[in-house]
Amino acid sequence: MPKRKVAETISPDELLTLADAMGCRTQQDLAARLGVTQPRVSQILSGSYPLKPGPLLNLVRELQARYAAGRRGES
């Protein structure tokens, strides 16, 4: 089976979906969970500073996998 290619960034909508799944109600909440500043979250969500491959994107991907698995288990 071919390996699925993972996007090299994350869309603002994907990040908002993750924030909601993690229970983050504000950009400050999300920033604290990701270990970044609120202005940085704002830049990511506005599209002015997309995530690049690296530790932060890796963390976001891990969180997406964790919270997606949790949603599958809720059914």
PDB file of N, CA and C in Angstrom:
ATOM      1  N   MET A   1       0.848  -1.170   0.000  1.00  0.00           N
ATOM      2  CA  MET A   1       0.000   0.000   0.000  1.00  0.00           C
ATOM      3  C   MET A   1       0.896   1.237   0.000  1.00  0.00           C
ATOM      4  N   PRO A   2       0.622   2.241  -0.845  1.00  0.00           N
ATOM      5  CA  PRO A   2       1.468   3.425  -0.889  1.00  0.00           C
ATOM      6  C   PRO A   2       1.336   4.242   0.395  1.00  0.00           C
ATOM      7  N   LYS A   3       2.442   4.836   0.794  1.00  0.00           N
ATOM      8  CA  LYS A   3       2.449   5.659   1.995  1.00  0.00           C
ATOM      9  C   LYS A   3       1.752   6.993   1.705  1.00  0.00           C
ATOM     10  N   ARG A   4       0.876   7.401   2.613  1.00  0.00           N
ATOM     11  CA  ARG A   4       0.156   8.657   2.450  1.00  0.00           C
ATOM     12  C   ARG A   4       1.096   9.832   2.683  1.00  0.00           C
ATOM     13  N   LYS A   5       1.082  10.800   1.779  1.00  0.00           N
ATOM     14  CA  LYS A   5       1.928  11.975   1.919  1.00  0.00           C
ATOM     15  C   LYS A   5       1.276  12.944   2.900  1.00  0.00           C
ATOM     16  N   VAL A   6       2.050  13.400   3.868  1.00  0.00           N
ATOM     17  CA  VAL A   6       1.563  14.340   4.862  1.00  0.00           C
ATOM     18  C   VAL A   6       1.920  15.744   4.389  1.00  0.00           C
ATOM     19  N   ALA A   7       0.965  16.652   4.457  1.00  0.00           N
ATOM     20  CA  ALA A   7       1.205  18.033   4.038  1.00  0.00           C
ATOM     21  C   ALA A   7       2.329  18.645   4.862  1.00  0.00           C
ATOM     22  N   GLU A   8       3.080  19.540   4.244  1.00  0.00           N
ATOM     23  CA  GLU A   8       4.216  20.162   4.911  1.00  0.00           C
ATOM     24  C   GLU A   8       3.817  21.383   5.728  1.00  0.00           C
ATOM     25  N   THR A   9       2.541  21.627   5.852  1.00  0.00           N
ATOM     26  CA  THR A   9       2.041  22.708   6.696  1.00  0.00           C
ATOM     27  C   THR A   9       0.651  22.309   7.180  1.00  0.00           C
ATOM     28  N   ILE A  10       0.005  23.186   7.872  1.00  0.00           N
ATOM     29  CA  ILE A  10      -1.346  22.939   8.362  1.00  0.00           C
ATOM     30  C   ILE A  10      -2.174  24.175   8.046  1.00  0.00           C
ATOM     31  N   SER A  11      -3.392  23.972   7.642  1.00  0.00           N
ATOM     32  CA  SER A  11      -4.248  25.111   7.311  1.00  0.00           C
ATOM     33  C   SER A  11      -4.799  25.729   8.590  1.00  0.00           C
ATOM     34  N   PRO A  12      -5.157  27.002   8.530  1.00  0.00           N
ATOM     35  CA  PRO A  12      -5.798  27.621   9.696  1.00  0.00           C
ATOM     36  C   PRO A  12      -7.046  26.854  10.141  1.00  0.00           C
ATOM     37  N   ASP A  13      -7.837  26.346   9.186  1.00  0.00           N
ATOM     38  CA  ASP A  13      -9.029  25.574   9.549  1.00  0.00           C
ATOM     39  C   ASP A  13      -8.666  24.301  10.306  1.00  0.00           C
ATOM     40  N   GLU A  14      -7.592  23.625   9.885  1.00  0.00           N
ATOM     41  CA  GLU A  14      -7.152  22.414  10.593  1.00  0.00           C
ATOM     42  C   GLU A  14      -6.733  22.751  12.023  1.00  0.00           C
ATOM     43  N   LEU A  15      -6.036  23.873  12.180  1.00  0.00           N
ATOM     44  CA  LEU A  15      -5.595  24.264  13.508  1.00  0.00           C
ATOM     45  C   LEU A  15      -6.782  24.641  14.390  1.00  0.00           C
ATOM     46  N   LEU A  16      -7.768  25.309  13.823  1.00  0.00           N
ATOM     47  CA  LEU A  16      -8.977  25.632  14.588  1.00  0.00           C
ATOM     48  C   LEU A  16      -9.734  24.369  14.999  1.00  0.00           C
ATOM     49  N   THR A  17      -9.786  23.388  14.110  1.00  0.00           N
ATOM     50  CA  THR A  17     -10.434  22.118  14.436  1.00  0.00           C
ATOM     51  C   THR A  17      -9.707  21.431  15.585  1.00  0.00           C
ATOM     52  N   LEU A  18      -8.384  21.444  15.534  1.00  0.00           N
ATOM     53  CA  LEU A  18      -7.588  20.851  16.608  1.00  0.00           C
ATOM     54  C   LEU A  18      -7.806  21.605  17.914  1.00  0.00           C
ATOM     55  N   ALA A  19      -7.802  22.925  17.855  1.00  0.00           N
ATOM     56  CA  ALA A  19      -8.005  23.732  19.061  1.00  0.00           C
ATOM     57  C   ALA A  19      -9.347  23.388  19.703  1.00  0.00           C
ATOM     58  N   ASP A  20     -10.363  23.258  18.889  1.00  0.00           N
ATOM     59  CA  ASP A  20     -11.687  22.907  19.409  1.00  0.00           C
ATOM     60  C   ASP A  20     -11.670  21.520  20.054  1.00  0.00           C
ATOM     61  N   ALA A  21     -11.022  20.563  19.390  1.00  0.00           N
ATOM     62  CA  ALA A  21     -10.941  19.199  19.925  1.00  0.00           C
ATOM     63  C   ALA A  21     -10.202  19.171  21.259  1.00  0.00           C
ATOM     64  N   MET A  22      -9.225  20.070  21.421  1.00  0.00           N
ATOM     65  CA  MET A  22      -8.447  20.121  22.659  1.00  0.00           C
ATOM     66  C   MET A  22      -9.136  20.960  23.734  1.00  0.00           C
ATOM     67  N   GLY A  23     -10.265  21.567  23.393  1.00  0.00           N
ATOM     68  CA  GLY A  23     -10.986  22.379  24.369  1.00  0.00           C
ATOM     69  C   GLY A  23     -10.444  23.781  24.531  1.00  0.00           C
ATOM     70  N   CYS A  24      -9.644  24.226  23.577  1.00  0.00           N
ATOM     71  CA  CYS A  24      -9.096  25.583  23.628  1.00  0.00           C
ATOM     72  C   CYS A  24     -10.157  26.560  23.136  1.00  0.00           C
ATOM     73  N   ARG A  25     -10.520  27.508  23.974  1.00  0.00           N
ATOM     74  CA  ARG A  25     -11.568  28.463  23.613  1.00  0.00           C
ATOM     75  C   ARG A  25     -11.013  29.796  23.132  1.00  0.00           C
ATOM     76  N   THR A  26      -9.738  30.060  23.428  1.00  0.00           N
ATOM     77  CA  THR A  26      -9.120  31.317  23.011  1.00  0.00           C
ATOM     78  C   THR A  26      -7.778  31.026  22.341  1.00  0.00           C
ATOM     79  N   GLN A  27      -7.271  32.032  21.641  1.00  0.00           N
ATOM     80  CA  GLN A  27      -5.942  31.888  21.057  1.00  0.00           C
ATOM     81  C   GLN A  27      -4.900  31.719  22.164  1.00  0.00           C
ATOM     82  N   GLN A  28      -5.117  32.364  23.299  1.00  0.00           N
ATOM     83  CA  GLN A  28      -4.193  32.232  24.424  1.00  0.00           C
ATOM     84  C   GLN A  28      -4.174  30.794  24.942  1.00  0.00           C
ATOM     85  N   ASP A  29      -5.346  30.166  25.009  1.00  0.00           N
ATOM     86  CA  ASP A  29      -5.417  28.754  25.415  1.00  0.00           C
ATOM     87  C   ASP A  29      -4.595  27.886  24.468  1.00  0.00           C
ATOM     88  N   LEU A  30      -4.796  28.095  23.169  1.00  0.00           N
ATOM     89  CA  LEU A  30      -4.088  27.300  22.170  1.00  0.00           C
ATOM     90  C   LEU A  30      -2.591  27.558  22.245  1.00  0.00           C
ATOM     91  N   ALA A  31      -2.216  28.812  22.390  1.00  0.00           N
ATOM     92  CA  ALA A  31      -0.795  29.158  22.494  1.00  0.00           C
ATOM     93  C   ALA A  31      -0.133  28.434  23.656  1.00  0.00           C
ATOM     94  N   ALA A  32      -0.823  28.419  24.796  1.00  0.00           N
ATOM     95  CA  ALA A  32      -0.272  27.742  25.979  1.00  0.00           C
ATOM     96  C   ALA A  32      -0.100  26.252  25.721  1.00  0.00           C
ATOM     97  N   ARG A  33      -1.060  25.628  25.056  1.00  0.00           N
ATOM     98  CA  ARG A  33      -0.976  24.188  24.772  1.00  0.00           C
ATOM     99  C   ARG A  33       0.148  23.869  23.791  1.00  0.00           C
ATOM    100  N   LEU A  34       0.421  24.813  22.863  1.00  0.00           N
ATOM    101  CA  LEU A  34       1.456  24.577  21.852  1.00  0.00           C
ATOM    102  C   LEU A  34       2.829  25.092  22.272  1.00  0.00           C
ATOM    103  N   GLY A  35       2.880  25.857  23.341  1.00  0.00           N
ATOM    104  CA  GLY A  35       4.156  26.400  23.794  1.00  0.00           C
ATOM    105  C   GLY A  35       4.652  27.560  22.948  1.00  0.00           C
ATOM    106  N   VAL A  36       3.728  28.333  22.421  1.00  0.00           N
ATOM    107  CA  VAL A  36       4.072  29.517  21.636  1.00  0.00           C
ATOM    108  C   VAL A  36       3.292  30.707  22.190  1.00  0.00           C
ATOM    109  N   THR A  37       3.530  31.877  21.619  1.00  0.00           N
ATOM    110  CA  THR A  37       2.820  33.065  22.074  1.00  0.00           C
ATOM    111  C   THR A  37       1.484  33.210  21.358  1.00  0.00           C
ATOM    112  N   GLN A  38       0.583  33.983  21.974  1.00  0.00           N
ATOM    113  CA  GLN A  38      -0.711  34.250  21.337  1.00  0.00           C
ATOM    114  C   GLN A  38      -0.531  34.984  20.014  1.00  0.00           C
ATOM    115  N   PRO A  39       0.384  35.970  19.911  1.00  0.00           N
ATOM    116  CA  PRO A  39       0.567  36.614  18.603  1.00  0.00           C
ATOM    117  C   PRO A  39       0.989  35.626  17.506  1.00  0.00           C
ATOM    118  N   ARG A  40       1.793  34.637  17.881  1.00  0.00           N
ATOM    119  CA  ARG A  40       2.215  33.629  16.904  1.00  0.00           C
ATOM    120  C   ARG A  40       0.999  32.814  16.443  1.00  0.00           C
ATOM    121  N   VAL A  41       0.129  32.430  17.358  1.00  0.00           N
ATOM    122  CA  VAL A  41      -1.088  31.709  16.985  1.00  0.00           C
ATOM    123  C   VAL A  41      -1.924  32.570  16.054  1.00  0.00           C
ATOM    124  N   SER A  42      -2.039  33.841  16.359  1.00  0.00           N
ATOM    125  CA  SER A  42      -2.795  34.759  15.511  1.00  0.00           C
ATOM    126  C   SER A  42      -2.221  34.797  14.098  1.00  0.00           C
ATOM    127  N   GLN A  43      -0.901  34.857  13.991  1.00  0.00           N
ATOM    128  CA  GLN A  43      -0.251  34.869  12.676  1.00  0.00           C
ATOM    129  C   GLN A  43      -0.518  33.578  11.910  1.00  0.00           C
ATOM    130  N   ILE A  44      -0.470  32.458  12.598  1.00  0.00           N
ATOM    131  CA  ILE A  44      -0.722  31.170  11.950  1.00  0.00           C
ATOM    132  C   ILE A  44      -2.163  31.114  11.454  1.00  0.00           C
ATOM    133  N   LEU A  45      -3.095  31.537  12.315  1.00  0.00           N
ATOM    134  CA  LEU A  45      -4.510  31.466  11.948  1.00  0.00           C
ATOM    135  C   LEU A  45      -4.879  32.440  10.836  1.00  0.00           C
ATOM    136  N   SER A  46      -4.170  33.555  10.743  1.00  0.00           N
ATOM    137  CA  SER A  46      -4.451  34.525   9.678  1.00  0.00           C
ATOM    138  C   SER A  46      -3.813  34.112   8.358  1.00  0.00           C
ATOM    139  N   GLY A  47      -2.909  33.144   8.418  1.00  0.00           N
ATOM    140  CA  GLY A  47      -2.212  32.700   7.214  1.00  0.00           C
ATOM    141  C   GLY A  47      -0.974  33.522   6.904  1.00  0.00           C
ATOM    142  N   SER A  48      -0.652  34.512   7.736  1.00  0.00           N
ATOM    143  CA  SER A  48       0.511  35.350   7.474  1.00  0.00           C
ATOM    144  C   SER A  48       1.827  34.679   7.870  1.00  0.00           C
ATOM    145  N   TYR A  49       1.748  33.617   8.671  1.00  0.00           N
ATOM    146  CA  TYR A  49       2.951  32.905   9.092  1.00  0.00           C
ATOM    147  C   TYR A  49       2.630  31.421   9.184  1.00  0.00           C
ATOM    148  N   PRO A  50       2.544  30.754   8.032  1.00  0.00           N
ATOM    149  CA  PRO A  50       2.201  29.322   8.068  1.00  0.00           C
ATOM    150  C   PRO A  50       3.269  28.495   8.776  1.00  0.00           C
ATOM    151  N   LEU A  51       2.823  27.411   9.374  1.00  0.00           N
ATOM    152  CA  LEU A  51       3.767  26.496  10.021  1.00  0.00           C
ATOM    153  C   LEU A  51       4.654  25.854   8.978  1.00  0.00           C
ATOM    154  N   LYS A  52       5.931  25.793   9.290  1.00  0.00           N
ATOM    155  CA  LYS A  52       6.906  25.133   8.419  1.00  0.00           C
ATOM    156  C   LYS A  52       7.294  23.811   9.060  1.00  0.00           C
ATOM    157  N   PRO A  53       7.838  22.893   8.257  1.00  0.00           N
ATOM    158  CA  PRO A  53       8.303  21.638   8.849  1.00  0.00           C
ATOM    159  C   PRO A  53       9.266  21.920  10.002  1.00  0.00           C
ATOM    160  N   GLY A  54       9.072  21.215  11.084  1.00  0.00           N
ATOM    161  CA  GLY A  54       9.922  21.398  12.256  1.00  0.00           C
ATOM    162  C   GLY A  54       9.192  20.945  13.503  1.00  0.00           C
ATOM    163  N   PRO A  55       9.741  21.263  14.659  1.00  0.00           N
ATOM    164  CA  PRO A  55       9.183  20.768  15.913  1.00  0.00           C
ATOM    165  C   PRO A  55       7.732  21.173  16.166  1.00  0.00           C
ATOM    166  N   LEU A  56       7.369  22.421  15.871  1.00  0.00           N
ATOM    167  CA  LEU A  56       5.996  22.849  16.138  1.00  0.00           C
ATOM    168  C   LEU A  56       5.011  22.119  15.240  1.00  0.00           C
ATOM    169  N   LEU A  57       5.326  21.984  13.972  1.00  0.00           N
ATOM    170  CA  LEU A  57       4.439  21.240  13.072  1.00  0.00           C
ATOM    171  C   LEU A  57       4.365  19.775  13.500  1.00  0.00           C
ATOM    172  N   ASN A  58       5.481  19.210  13.916  1.00  0.00           N
ATOM    173  CA  ASN A  58       5.475  17.824  14.398  1.00  0.00           C
ATOM    174  C   ASN A  58       4.556  17.672  15.609  1.00  0.00           C
ATOM    175  N   LEU A  59       4.612  18.634  16.530  1.00  0.00           N
ATOM    176  CA  LEU A  59       3.750  18.596  17.707  1.00  0.00           C
ATOM    177  C   LEU A  59       2.284  18.674  17.295  1.00  0.00           C
ATOM    178  N   VAL A  60       1.965  19.584  16.370  1.00  0.00           N
ATOM    179  CA  VAL A  60       0.585  19.723  15.908  1.00  0.00           C
ATOM    180  C   VAL A  60       0.105  18.425  15.272  1.00  0.00           C
ATOM    181  N   ARG A  61       0.929  17.791  14.456  1.00  0.00           N
ATOM    182  CA  ARG A  61       0.548  16.519  13.823  1.00  0.00           C
ATOM    183  C   ARG A  61       0.316  15.430  14.874  1.00  0.00           C
ATOM    184  N   GLU A  62       1.180  15.389  15.896  1.00  0.00           N
ATOM    185  CA  GLU A  62       0.990  14.394  16.960  1.00  0.00           C
ATOM    186  C   GLU A  62      -0.321  14.645  17.703  1.00  0.00           C
ATOM    187  N   LEU A  63      -0.608  15.900  17.988  1.00  0.00           N
ATOM    188  CA  LEU A  63      -1.856  16.234  18.669  1.00  0.00           C
ATOM    189  C   LEU A  63      -3.067  15.897  17.805  1.00  0.00           C
ATOM    190  N   GLN A  64      -2.961  16.160  16.506  1.00  0.00           N
ATOM    191  CA  GLN A  64      -4.061  15.802  15.602  1.00  0.00           C
ATOM    192  C   GLN A  64      -4.321  14.308  15.662  1.00  0.00           C
ATOM    193  N   ALA A  65      -3.272  13.513  15.622  1.00  0.00           N
ATOM    194  CA  ALA A  65      -3.430  12.058  15.662  1.00  0.00           C
ATOM    195  C   ALA A  65      -4.044  11.621  16.990  1.00  0.00           C
ATOM    196  N   ARG A  66      -3.587  12.206  18.082  1.00  0.00           N
ATOM    197  CA  ARG A  66      -4.095  11.841  19.402  1.00  0.00           C
ATOM    198  C   ARG A  66      -5.574  12.194  19.536  1.00  0.00           C
ATOM    199  N   TYR A  67      -5.940  13.391  19.128  1.00  0.00           N
ATOM    200  CA  TYR A  67      -7.336  13.806  19.290  1.00  0.00           C
ATOM    201  C   TYR A  67      -8.251  13.150  18.265  1.00  0.00           C
ATOM    202  N   ALA A  68      -7.749  12.804  17.096  1.00  0.00           N
ATOM    203  CA  ALA A  68      -8.541  12.070  16.121  1.00  0.00           C
ATOM    204  C   ALA A  68      -8.827  10.667  16.644  1.00  0.00           C
ATOM    205  N   ALA A  69      -7.829  10.053  17.278  1.00  0.00           N
ATOM    206  CA  ALA A  69      -8.026   8.717  17.855  1.00  0.00           C
ATOM    207  C   ALA A  69      -9.053   8.774  18.967  1.00  0.00           C
ATOM    208  N   GLY A  70      -9.047   9.835  19.756  1.00  0.00           N
ATOM    209  CA  GLY A  70     -10.022   9.986  20.828  1.00  0.00           C
ATOM    210  C   GLY A  70     -11.430  10.122  20.286  1.00  0.00           C
ATOM    211  N   ARG A  71     -11.591  10.858  19.194  1.00  0.00           N
ATOM    212  CA  ARG A  71     -12.917  11.003  18.589  1.00  0.00           C
ATOM    213  C   ARG A  71     -13.409   9.689  18.031  1.00  0.00           C
ATOM    214  N   ARG A  72     -12.524   8.882  17.448  1.00  0.00           N
ATOM    215  CA  ARG A  72     -12.942   7.584  16.920  1.00  0.00           C
ATOM    216  C   ARG A  72     -13.415   6.680  18.053  1.00  0.00           C
ATOM    217  N   GLY A  73     -12.778   6.815  19.223  1.00  0.00           N
ATOM    218  CA  GLY A  73     -13.144   5.980  20.355  1.00  0.00           C
ATOM    219  C   GLY A  73     -14.422   6.397  21.043  1.00  0.00           C
ATOM    220  N   GLU A  74     -14.944   7.587  20.720  1.00  0.00           N
ATOM    221  CA  GLU A  74     -16.170   8.073  21.361  1.00  0.00           C
ATOM    222  C   GLU A  74     -17.417   7.433  20.783  1.00  0.00           C
ATOM    223  N   SER A  75     -17.354   6.901  19.601  1.00  0.00           N
ATOM    224  CA  SER A  75     -18.545   6.383  18.921  1.00  0.00           C
ATOM    225  C   SER A  75     -19.223   5.275  19.673  1.00  0.00           C
TER     226      SER A  75
END
